[in-house]
Structures are given as structure tokens and as C-alpha cells.
């Protein structure tokens, strides 16, 4: 038997959608009837994983609907853009990379 998180149990008793994501419970989350009913699971394209399904916003706003448009970037994927926005030049970024700072 899988031990459930006490907070998840308390939330569910109050009809609040909650799922313990520790210890490989992610599949249970995607299969949860409430997740399926609300359409919270959304498929997006990831540059490294291809099509992947993620959990979107768990509630709906009537005037500002939520939709996932892309997967999270890979670790470090935006580093150069962020450093350029902060004023670093190409040579400075290359030097940081050569020194394994980034």
C-alpha cells in the first residue's frame, strides 16, 4: 500500500484537488478523475522530450483562461539571453563559459 501525504488526505476530505507527487505518484495525478474532468493535463512540445503532458492551472478564471503554451526550458537554456539582457557581451559570456562559471 502506498502511503499518502497527510496534507493530500486532508485536502481531499474538503473536496480540494490535491495529489502527493512524491515517490512516483505522478501517474496517479494524471489518472485522477478530477484532473481528467477539468482538463488540467495539457500536452506541450518540449525541445528535449518531444510531446510531454504537464499539469496546468488547477482552476479556471472566466475572463483570463489559462493554457500552457510551452514546456519549461532546459536548465541553462536561457542563460545567454539573460546575460545579454543584463549587459554582458558575447566575449564576456564566452569567458564565463570557459571558466565553467556558467
Protein backbone atom coordinates (compact mmCIF):
# COMPACT_ATOMS: atom_id res chain seq x y z
CA UNK A 1 0.00 0.00 0.00
CA UNK A 2 1.28 3.46 -0.92
CA UNK A 3 1.43 5.88 1.99
CA UNK A 4 -0.34 9.11 1.11
CA UNK A 5 0.71 12.54 2.27
CA UNK A 6 -1.45 13.63 5.24
CA UNK A 7 -1.97 17.05 3.66
CA UNK A 8 -3.31 15.47 0.47
CA UNK A 9 -5.74 13.39 2.52
CA UNK A 10 -6.95 16.46 4.46
CA UNK A 11 -7.43 18.44 1.24
CA UNK A 12 -9.41 15.66 -0.42
CA UNK A 13 -11.69 15.40 2.61
CA UNK A 14 -12.59 19.06 1.98
CA UNK A 15 -13.11 18.41 -1.77
CA UNK A 16 -9.88 20.22 -2.68
CA UNK A 17 -7.96 18.71 -5.58
CA UNK A 18 -4.64 17.56 -4.14
CA UNK A 19 -2.21 14.81 -5.03
CA UNK A 20 1.02 13.72 -3.42
CA UNK A 21 3.64 13.90 -6.18
CA UNK A 22 6.41 12.30 -4.17
CA UNK A 23 7.51 8.71 -4.69
CA UNK A 24 6.25 8.27 -8.23
CA UNK A 25 2.61 9.29 -7.73
CA UNK A 26 2.61 11.40 -10.88
CA UNK A 27 0.77 8.78 -12.94
CA UNK A 28 -1.98 8.76 -10.30
CA UNK A 29 -2.28 12.52 -10.72
CA UNK A 30 -2.84 12.28 -14.48
CA UNK A 31 -5.36 9.47 -13.95
CA UNK A 32 -7.27 11.33 -11.23
CA UNK A 33 -10.94 11.71 -12.29
CA UNK A 34 -10.99 15.39 -11.30
CA UNK A 35 -7.85 16.16 -13.30
CA UNK A 36 -9.41 14.47 -16.32
CA UNK A 37 -12.80 16.14 -15.83
CA UNK A 38 -11.31 19.63 -15.59
CA UNK A 39 -8.87 19.06 -18.46
CA UNK A 40 -5.97 20.17 -16.28
CA UNK A 41 -3.48 17.85 -18.01
CA UNK A 42 -2.19 19.58 -21.13
CA UNK A 43 0.22 18.38 -23.80
CA UNK A 44 3.02 20.72 -24.88
CA UNK A 45 6.08 20.38 -27.10
CA UNK A 46 9.41 20.16 -25.31
CA UNK A 47 12.66 20.70 -27.27
CA UNK A 48 14.31 17.82 -25.41
CA UNK A 49 11.40 15.47 -24.60
CA UNK A 50 9.12 15.97 -27.59
CA UNK A 51 5.43 15.97 -26.73
CA UNK A 52 5.00 15.85 -22.98
CA UNK A 53 1.97 16.13 -20.75
CA UNK A 54 2.05 18.56 -17.85
CA UNK A 55 -0.36 19.66 -15.16
CA UNK A 56 -1.71 23.13 -15.90
CA UNK A 57 -3.61 25.56 -13.71
CA UNK A 58 -5.99 23.73 -11.38
CA UNK A 59 -8.72 26.37 -11.50
CA UNK A 60 -10.45 28.30 -14.26
CA UNK A 61 -10.85 32.05 -14.50
CA UNK A 62 -13.72 33.20 -16.68
CA UNK A 63 -12.03 36.31 -18.09
CA UNK A 64 -8.43 35.14 -18.16
CA UNK A 65 -8.31 31.49 -19.23
CA UNK A 66 -5.05 29.64 -18.68
CA UNK A 67 -3.28 27.48 -21.23
CA UNK A 68 0.21 26.05 -21.27
CA UNK A 69 1.97 27.22 -24.44
CA UNK A 70 5.33 25.51 -24.00
CA UNK A 71 7.29 23.28 -21.68
CA UNK A 72 9.74 24.72 -19.20
CA UNK A 73 13.16 25.41 -20.75
CA UNK A 74 16.00 23.01 -20.11
CA UNK A 75 18.34 24.02 -17.30
CA UNK A 76 20.56 26.82 -18.60
CA UNK A 77 18.73 27.20 -21.92
CA UNK A 78 18.08 30.91 -21.32
CA UNK A 79 21.43 31.76 -19.71
CA UNK A 80 22.92 33.60 -22.70
CA UNK A 81 19.74 35.62 -23.30
CA UNK A 82 19.54 36.62 -19.64
CA UNK A 83 23.20 37.62 -19.50
CA UNK A 84 22.82 39.67 -22.71
CA UNK A 85 19.78 41.39 -21.18
CA UNK A 86 21.97 42.23 -18.17
CA UNK A 87 24.54 43.85 -20.44
CA UNK A 88 27.12 41.08 -20.87
CA UNK A 89 28.77 40.89 -24.28
CA UNK A 90 29.48 37.74 -26.30
CA UNK A 91 33.14 37.70 -25.25
CA UNK A 92 32.27 38.06 -21.56
CA UNK A 93 29.74 35.22 -21.80
CA UNK A 94 32.29 33.04 -23.60
CA UNK A 95 34.85 33.79 -20.86
CA UNK A 96 32.37 32.80 -18.14
CA UNK A 97 31.65 29.58 -20.02
CA UNK A 98 35.40 28.87 -20.49
CA UNK A 99 35.94 29.28 -16.73
CA UNK A 100 32.95 26.97 -16.14
CA UNK A 101 31.11 29.71 -14.23
CA UNK A 102 28.10 29.01 -16.42
